[in-house]
Amino acid sequence: MNNEERAQVITKLEQEKDKVEKHITDLKELTQPISPENAIGRVSRMDAINNKSVNEAALRTAQTKLKNIYTALEKSSDPDFGSCRKCKQDIPVGRLLFMPGSAYCIKCAQRN
């Protein structure tokens, strides 16, 4: 990976980090407890509880993604940044731009 490609990937990581952090903030708001004092109907309350569960799952996924982005940013200055953890071959830049936290090339990712 050359310096220009590395800079592209780091920029993409920073953009993705900002986007995911905002998404996490929004999801945290949506996963607040539903107060029993709210005068909503039983069906509406059940729907709100279901939506809360869906948003909690999305929050966990987003937090995992953010953790992977932070890990990738920390390793971005390493000389082996952009190399597959398993086979040590270069990960295609297109894959890193599409999935910035990728640690494996396509072949190794398919095997896992």
Protein backbone atom coordinates (compact mmCIF):
# COMPACT_ATOMS: atom_id res chain seq x y z
CA MET A 1 0.00 0.00 0.00
CA ASN A 2 1.47 3.34 -0.99
CA ASN A 3 1.20 6.55 1.05
CA GLU A 4 -1.62 7.99 -1.04
CA GLU A 5 -3.73 4.85 -0.61
CA ARG A 6 -2.95 4.80 3.11
CA ALA A 7 -4.10 8.43 3.39
CA GLN A 8 -7.32 7.57 1.53
CA VAL A 9 -8.06 4.69 3.89
CA ILE A 10 -7.30 6.79 7.00
CA THR A 11 -9.59 9.56 5.75
CA LYS A 12 -12.34 7.00 5.15
CA LEU A 13 -11.80 5.57 8.65
CA GLU A 14 -12.12 9.04 10.20
CA GLN A 15 -15.32 9.74 8.24
CA GLU A 16 -16.78 6.37 9.18
CA LYS A 17 -15.83 6.92 12.84
CA ASP A 18 -17.71 10.22 12.93
CA LYS A 19 -20.74 8.68 11.23
CA VAL A 20 -20.86 5.68 13.59
CA GLU A 21 -20.38 7.85 16.69
CA LYS A 22 -23.39 9.97 15.67
CA HIS A 23 -25.41 6.83 14.95
CA ILE A 24 -24.54 5.47 18.40
CA THR A 25 -25.69 8.72 20.00
CA ASP A 26 -29.01 8.47 18.15
CA LEU A 27 -29.45 4.81 19.10
CA LYS A 28 -28.73 5.51 22.76
CA GLU A 29 -31.58 8.01 22.70
CA LEU A 30 -33.89 5.41 21.13
CA THR A 31 -32.99 2.75 23.71
CA GLN A 32 -34.04 4.74 26.75
CA PRO A 33 -36.41 2.89 29.09
CA ILE A 34 -40.12 3.28 28.39
CA SER A 35 -41.74 4.88 31.37
CA PRO A 36 -44.80 3.02 32.68
CA GLU A 37 -46.40 6.38 33.47
CA ASN A 38 -46.69 7.19 29.77
CA ALA A 39 -50.35 7.01 28.78
CA ILE A 40 -49.98 4.85 25.70
CA GLY A 41 -52.03 1.83 24.84
CA ARG A 42 -51.00 -1.75 25.43
CA VAL A 43 -50.31 -2.44 21.75
CA SER A 44 -48.32 0.78 21.41
CA ARG A 45 -46.30 -0.13 24.50
CA MET A 46 -45.57 -3.61 23.09
CA ASP A 47 -44.53 -2.02 19.79
CA ALA A 48 -42.26 0.44 21.65
CA ILE A 49 -40.65 -2.42 23.60
CA ASN A 50 -40.05 -4.36 20.37
CA ASN A 51 -38.52 -1.29 18.70
CA LYS A 52 -36.31 -0.76 21.75
CA SER A 53 -35.00 -4.34 21.42
CA VAL A 54 -34.24 -3.84 17.73
CA ASN A 55 -32.44 -0.56 18.48
CA GLU A 56 -30.44 -2.21 21.28
CA ALA A 57 -29.20 -4.85 18.83
CA ALA A 58 -28.29 -2.12 16.33
CA LEU A 59 -26.47 -0.26 19.11
CA ARG A 60 -24.37 -3.31 19.96
CA THR A 61 -23.49 -3.78 16.29
CA ALA A 62 -22.53 -0.11 15.92
CA GLN A 63 -20.38 -0.24 19.07
CA THR A 64 -18.53 -3.27 17.69
CA LYS A 65 -18.01 -1.49 14.38
CA LEU A 66 -16.67 1.60 16.18
CA LYS A 67 -14.27 -0.56 18.18
CA ASN A 68 -12.96 -2.09 14.93
CA ILE A 69 -12.53 1.37 13.40
CA TYR A 70 -10.56 2.58 16.43
CA THR A 71 -8.37 -0.51 16.21
CA ALA A 72 -7.73 0.12 12.52
CA LEU A 73 -6.90 3.79 13.19
CA GLU A 74 -4.45 2.80 15.92
CA LYS A 75 -2.71 0.41 13.52
CA SER A 76 -2.77 2.82 10.56
CA SER A 77 0.80 3.95 11.24
CA ASP A 78 2.14 0.39 11.43
CA PRO A 79 4.20 -0.73 8.43
CA ASP A 80 1.98 -3.80 7.99
CA PHE A 81 -1.26 -1.77 7.95
CA GLY A 82 -3.39 -3.04 5.07
CA SER A 83 -1.97 -6.55 5.24
CA CYS A 84 -4.14 -9.58 5.93
CA ARG A 85 -3.73 -10.87 9.48
CA LYS A 86 -3.80 -14.46 8.29
CA CYS A 87 -1.93 -14.70 4.99
CA LYS A 88 0.02 -11.40 5.25
CA GLN A 89 -0.90 -10.43 1.65
CA ASP A 90 -2.04 -6.87 0.92
CA ILE A 91 -5.75 -6.28 1.38
CA PRO A 92 -7.08 -4.59 -1.77
CA VAL A 93 -7.51 -0.84 -1.23
CA GLY A 94 -11.07 -1.05 -2.58
CA ARG A 95 -11.95 -3.48 0.21
CA LEU A 96 -10.38 -1.21 2.82
CA LEU A 97 -12.32 1.78 1.46
CA PHE A 98 -15.57 -0.20 1.44
CA MET A 99 -14.98 -1.92 4.79
CA PRO A 100 -12.43 0.28 6.58
CA GLY A 101 -12.01 -2.02 9.55
CA SER A 102 -11.16 -5.08 7.43
CA ALA A 103 -8.34 -7.15 8.89
CA TYR A 104 -8.50 -9.99 6.36
CA CYS A 105 -8.29 -10.25 2.60
CA ILE A 106 -11.34 -11.58 0.79
CA LYS A 107 -10.03 -15.16 0.57
CA CYS A 108 -9.20 -15.40 4.28
CA ALA A 109 -12.44 -13.68 5.27
CA GLN A 110 -14.44 -16.24 3.29
CA ARG A 111 -12.60 -19.11 5.02
CA ASN A 112 -13.44 -17.80 8.50
